[in-house]
Amino acid sequence: MSGSVATGATRVVRLPSRSRRYPEGRVCSHPGCLTRLSTYNRASTCFLHSPMVAPRLRGRKSGGAEDRFGEVAGFEILRRA
């Protein structure tokens, strides 16, 4: 060898895809609201007039699912013996 040592290489990866853009100059569709929407906002309404959505951060979906203690919404589950 000629005395040079390879130290490592960086992997060539694709760039992330571009964010989707929506037409410029859109206005909130709520009657009387003049809020201009961002080109990155896919909704047709502004934040104030959009329906509230609370994401499920962890755990099971609600709706009668049994929790780890065998209770549903604070009531003990009756099991047949």
Protein backbone atom coordinates (compact mmCIF):
# COMPACT_ATOMS: atom_id res chain seq x y z
CA MET A 1 0.00 0.00 0.00
CA SER A 2 1.02 3.55 -0.50
CA GLY A 3 0.39 4.65 3.09
CA SER A 4 -3.07 6.18 2.61
CA VAL A 5 -5.86 4.86 4.78
CA ALA A 6 -9.55 4.95 3.95
CA THR A 7 -11.43 6.35 6.94
CA GLY A 8 -15.01 5.83 5.84
CA ALA A 9 -17.55 7.00 3.40
CA THR A 10 -20.82 8.82 3.58
CA ARG A 11 -23.83 7.15 2.07
CA VAL A 12 -25.51 8.99 -0.74
CA VAL A 13 -29.20 9.34 0.04
CA ARG A 14 -32.13 11.01 -1.68
CA LEU A 15 -33.24 14.41 -0.57
CA PRO A 16 -36.61 14.47 1.21
CA SER A 17 -39.56 15.16 -1.05
CA ARG A 18 -40.79 18.73 -1.26
CA SER A 19 -43.77 19.82 0.81
CA ARG A 20 -47.04 19.95 -1.08
CA ARG A 21 -48.18 23.47 -1.87
CA TYR A 22 -51.67 24.79 -2.47
CA PRO A 23 -52.72 27.82 -4.52
CA GLU A 24 -51.74 31.27 -3.27
CA GLY A 25 -54.36 33.81 -2.27
CA ARG A 26 -56.86 31.35 -0.73
CA VAL A 27 -59.14 32.74 1.98
CA CYS A 28 -60.95 30.90 4.81
CA SER A 29 -64.25 29.49 3.55
CA HIS A 30 -66.14 30.44 6.73
CA PRO A 31 -68.65 33.24 5.99
CA GLY A 32 -67.25 36.63 6.96
CA CYS A 33 -63.70 35.40 7.69
CA LEU A 34 -61.03 37.17 5.67
CA THR A 35 -58.04 35.17 6.95
CA ARG A 36 -55.56 34.35 4.19
CA LEU A 37 -54.49 30.70 4.24
CA SER A 38 -50.91 29.52 3.95
CA THR A 39 -49.85 27.78 0.76
CA TYR A 40 -48.94 24.78 2.97
CA ASN A 41 -52.38 24.60 4.69
CA ARG A 42 -54.49 21.92 2.98
CA ALA A 43 -57.67 22.83 4.88
CA SER A 44 -60.20 25.22 3.40
CA THR A 45 -60.66 27.01 6.74
CA CYS A 46 -58.33 28.86 9.08
CA PHE A 47 -57.34 27.44 12.48
CA LEU A 48 -60.09 29.35 14.28
CA HIS A 49 -62.84 27.86 12.08
CA SER A 50 -61.45 24.33 11.67
CA PRO A 51 -63.08 21.56 13.72
CA MET A 52 -61.13 20.60 16.84
CA VAL A 53 -59.36 17.26 16.56
CA ALA A 54 -57.59 15.67 19.53
CA PRO A 55 -55.05 13.05 18.46
CA ARG A 56 -54.66 9.78 20.33
CA LEU A 57 -51.11 9.98 21.61
CA ARG A 58 -50.73 6.51 23.09
CA GLY A 59 -52.62 3.54 24.39
CA ARG A 60 -55.68 1.83 23.08
CA LYS A 61 -58.57 3.44 21.26
CA SER A 62 -61.47 4.39 23.51
CA GLY A 63 -64.90 2.90 23.03
CA GLY A 64 -65.29 0.14 25.60
CA ALA A 65 -61.81 -1.32 25.33
CA GLU A 66 -60.85 -3.23 28.44
CA ASP A 67 -57.94 -1.69 30.27
CA ARG A 68 -55.19 -3.68 31.97
CA PHE A 69 -57.11 -3.90 35.26
CA GLY A 70 -60.22 -5.46 33.71
CA GLU A 71 -62.40 -2.39 34.02
CA VAL A 72 -64.28 -0.42 31.43
CA ALA A 73 -64.99 3.23 32.17
CA GLY A 74 -64.78 2.63 35.92
CA PHE A 75 -67.16 -0.37 36.01
CA GLU A 76 -65.97 -3.83 36.90
CA ILE A 77 -66.45 -6.41 34.16
CA LEU A 78 -68.69 -9.29 35.15
CA ARG A 79 -67.19 -12.60 34.13
CA ARG A 80 -68.97 -15.92 34.02
CA ALA A 81 -67.45 -18.54 36.31
